[in-house]
Amino acid sequence: KRPEEVDGVDYFFRTREEFEELIKNGQMLEYAEYVGNYYGTPLTYVNETLDKGIDVFLEIEVQGALQVKKKVPDGVFIFLTPPDLDELKDRLVGRGTDSEEVIRQRIERAKEEIALMREYDYVVVNDEVSLAAERVKRIIEVEHL
């Protein structure tokens, strides 16, 4: 958890034990362990949001997206990718939140994930945030037609 992140707003933060209990009880739409931490999406959050007629936008890594795709095959899957791995490394270093070892692990994981981007419906290059956001917005608009 980063200092500026708020539980229930940015993410839902749980202890490792709580998270493992949610997994055991089938309460996660998807989950993965990434660089030593669990990440996932609670099923109740997704169902409650969809019941309100609101789209659910999940920012998840490939392993989780493939789990969701099996459970929600009519979902729309968008792969956001950096222009290249050098740019990704520069962004990770620029954040100043990760050690060199964690950055190395993230780069290796990114290589594995990029190899699976063909499993997605769309690929958006995140070269500039505003342009990438506009591309994603257009995809969502087209999918609602």
Protein backbone atom coordinates (compact mmCIF):
# COMPACT_ATOMS: atom_id res chain seq x y z
CA LYS A 1 0.00 0.00 0.00
CA ARG A 2 1.36 3.38 -1.00
CA PRO A 3 0.82 6.25 1.46
CA GLU A 4 -1.66 8.06 -0.82
CA GLU A 5 -3.84 4.96 -1.42
CA VAL A 6 -7.13 4.65 0.46
CA ASP A 7 -8.77 1.33 1.39
CA GLY A 8 -12.10 0.94 -0.40
CA VAL A 9 -11.34 3.80 -2.80
CA ASP A 10 -8.13 2.97 -4.65
CA TYR A 11 -8.06 -0.70 -3.69
CA PHE A 12 -9.34 -3.06 -1.03
CA PHE A 13 -6.42 -3.88 1.26
CA ARG A 14 -6.39 -7.19 3.12
CA THR A 15 -3.82 -9.07 5.14
CA ARG A 16 -2.29 -12.14 3.52
CA GLU A 17 -4.38 -14.35 5.82
CA GLU A 18 -7.62 -12.51 4.97
CA PHE A 19 -6.82 -12.73 1.26
CA GLU A 20 -6.13 -16.47 1.44
CA GLU A 21 -9.47 -16.94 3.26
CA LEU A 22 -11.29 -15.07 0.45
CA ILE A 23 -9.61 -17.34 -2.11
CA LYS A 24 -10.50 -20.46 -0.13
CA ASN A 25 -14.15 -19.37 0.07
CA GLY A 26 -14.41 -18.64 -3.68
CA GLN A 27 -14.95 -14.93 -3.09
CA MET A 28 -12.40 -13.68 -5.64
CA LEU A 29 -13.24 -13.16 -9.31
CA GLU A 30 -9.53 -13.33 -9.99
CA TYR A 31 -6.31 -13.20 -8.07
CA ALA A 32 -2.59 -13.57 -8.51
CA GLU A 33 0.58 -13.37 -6.52
CA TYR A 34 2.86 -10.78 -8.08
CA VAL A 35 6.34 -9.91 -6.81
CA GLY A 36 5.52 -11.41 -3.40
CA ASN A 37 2.12 -9.77 -2.90
CA TYR A 38 -1.44 -10.91 -3.59
CA TYR A 39 -3.63 -8.88 -5.92
CA GLY A 40 -7.19 -9.67 -6.88
CA THR A 41 -10.78 -8.61 -7.41
CA PRO A 42 -13.54 -9.40 -4.91
CA LEU A 43 -16.55 -11.03 -6.56
CA THR A 44 -19.05 -9.11 -4.42
CA TYR A 45 -17.66 -5.75 -5.58
CA VAL A 46 -18.01 -6.73 -9.25
CA ASN A 47 -21.52 -8.15 -8.88
CA GLU A 48 -22.81 -5.19 -6.86
CA THR A 49 -21.38 -2.72 -9.37
CA LEU A 50 -22.80 -4.57 -12.40
CA ASP A 51 -26.20 -4.84 -10.66
CA LYS A 52 -26.24 -1.01 -10.55
CA GLY A 53 -25.75 -0.90 -14.33
CA ILE A 54 -22.20 0.40 -14.01
CA ASP A 55 -19.35 -0.97 -16.11
CA VAL A 56 -16.49 -2.57 -14.18
CA PHE A 57 -13.01 -1.60 -15.29
CA LEU A 58 -10.32 -3.86 -13.82
CA GLU A 59 -6.67 -2.85 -13.84
CA ILE A 60 -5.15 -6.30 -13.48
CA GLU A 61 -2.18 -8.26 -14.75
CA VAL A 62 -2.40 -10.95 -17.42
CA GLN A 63 -2.77 -13.95 -15.10
CA GLY A 64 -5.84 -12.36 -13.51
CA ALA A 65 -7.28 -11.22 -16.84
CA LEU A 66 -7.11 -14.74 -18.22
CA GLN A 67 -8.99 -16.00 -15.14
CA VAL A 68 -11.68 -13.35 -15.69
CA LYS A 69 -11.89 -14.16 -19.40
CA LYS A 70 -12.73 -17.79 -18.55
CA LYS A 71 -15.47 -16.68 -16.14
CA VAL A 72 -16.72 -13.69 -18.17
CA PRO A 73 -16.09 -14.56 -21.84
CA ASP A 74 -18.20 -11.67 -23.13
CA GLY A 75 -16.09 -9.11 -21.25
CA VAL A 76 -13.94 -6.65 -23.18
CA PHE A 77 -10.22 -7.08 -22.55
CA ILE A 78 -7.78 -4.23 -23.25
CA PHE A 79 -4.02 -4.72 -22.90
CA LEU A 80 -2.15 -1.53 -21.98
CA THR A 81 1.51 -1.71 -22.92
CA PRO A 82 4.39 0.73 -22.63
CA PRO A 83 6.00 1.83 -25.90
CA ASP A 84 8.96 -0.43 -25.04
CA LEU A 85 10.70 -2.05 -22.08
CA ASP A 86 13.24 0.78 -21.74
CA GLU A 87 10.38 3.22 -21.24
CA LEU A 88 8.82 0.89 -18.68
CA LYS A 89 12.10 0.74 -16.76
CA ASP A 90 12.40 4.54 -16.84
CA ARG A 91 8.85 4.87 -15.47
CA LEU A 92 9.47 2.37 -12.68
CA VAL A 93 12.75 4.03 -11.70
CA GLY A 94 11.07 7.46 -11.89
CA ARG A 95 8.38 6.43 -9.41
CA GLY A 96 11.09 5.89 -6.83
CA THR A 97 9.05 3.30 -4.92
CA ASP A 98 10.76 0.02 -5.87
CA SER A 99 14.21 -1.45 -5.30
CA GLU A 100 16.42 -2.39 -8.24
CA GLU A 101 15.54 -6.06 -7.66
CA VAL A 102 11.79 -5.39 -7.72
CA ILE A 103 12.20 -3.32 -10.90
CA ARG A 104 14.15 -6.19 -12.48
CA GLN A 105 11.36 -8.62 -11.50
CA ARG A 106 8.71 -6.29 -12.92
CA ILE A 107 10.58 -6.00 -16.24
CA GLU A 108 10.88 -9.79 -16.49
CA ARG A 109 7.18 -10.17 -15.70
CA ALA A 110 6.33 -7.52 -18.31
CA LYS A 111 8.19 -9.56 -20.96
CA GLU A 112 6.07 -12.61 -20.07
CA GLU A 113 2.86 -10.57 -20.14
CA ILE A 114 3.63 -8.90 -23.47
CA ALA A 115 3.97 -12.38 -24.97
CA LEU A 116 0.32 -13.01 -23.97
CA MET A 117 -1.21 -9.76 -25.24
CA ARG A 118 -2.71 -11.61 -28.21
CA GLU A 119 -5.23 -13.08 -25.74
CA TYR A 120 -6.82 -9.61 -25.40
CA ASP A 121 -9.47 -8.00 -27.60
CA TYR A 122 -7.54 -4.73 -27.94
CA VAL A 123 -3.99 -3.49 -27.39
CA VAL A 124 -3.36 0.16 -26.45
CA VAL A 125 0.15 1.59 -26.35
CA ASN A 126 0.45 3.84 -23.30
CA ASP A 127 2.86 6.35 -24.80
CA GLU A 128 1.11 9.40 -23.32
CA VAL A 129 -1.48 9.01 -20.59
CA SER A 130 -4.03 11.38 -22.17
CA LEU A 131 -3.78 9.67 -25.58
CA ALA A 132 -3.98 6.19 -24.10
CA ALA A 133 -7.01 7.24 -22.01
CA GLU A 134 -8.72 8.58 -25.14
CA ARG A 135 -8.04 5.32 -27.00
CA VAL A 136 -9.52 3.29 -24.13
CA LYS A 137 -12.53 5.63 -23.99
CA ARG A 138 -13.16 5.09 -27.72
CA ILE A 139 -12.97 1.32 -27.29
CA ILE A 140 -15.53 1.46 -24.49
CA GLU A 141 -17.82 3.68 -26.59
CA VAL A 142 -17.59 1.31 -29.57
CA GLU A 143 -18.29 -1.71 -27.38
CA HIS A 144 -21.45 -0.05 -26.06
CA LEU A 145 -22.91 0.40 -29.58
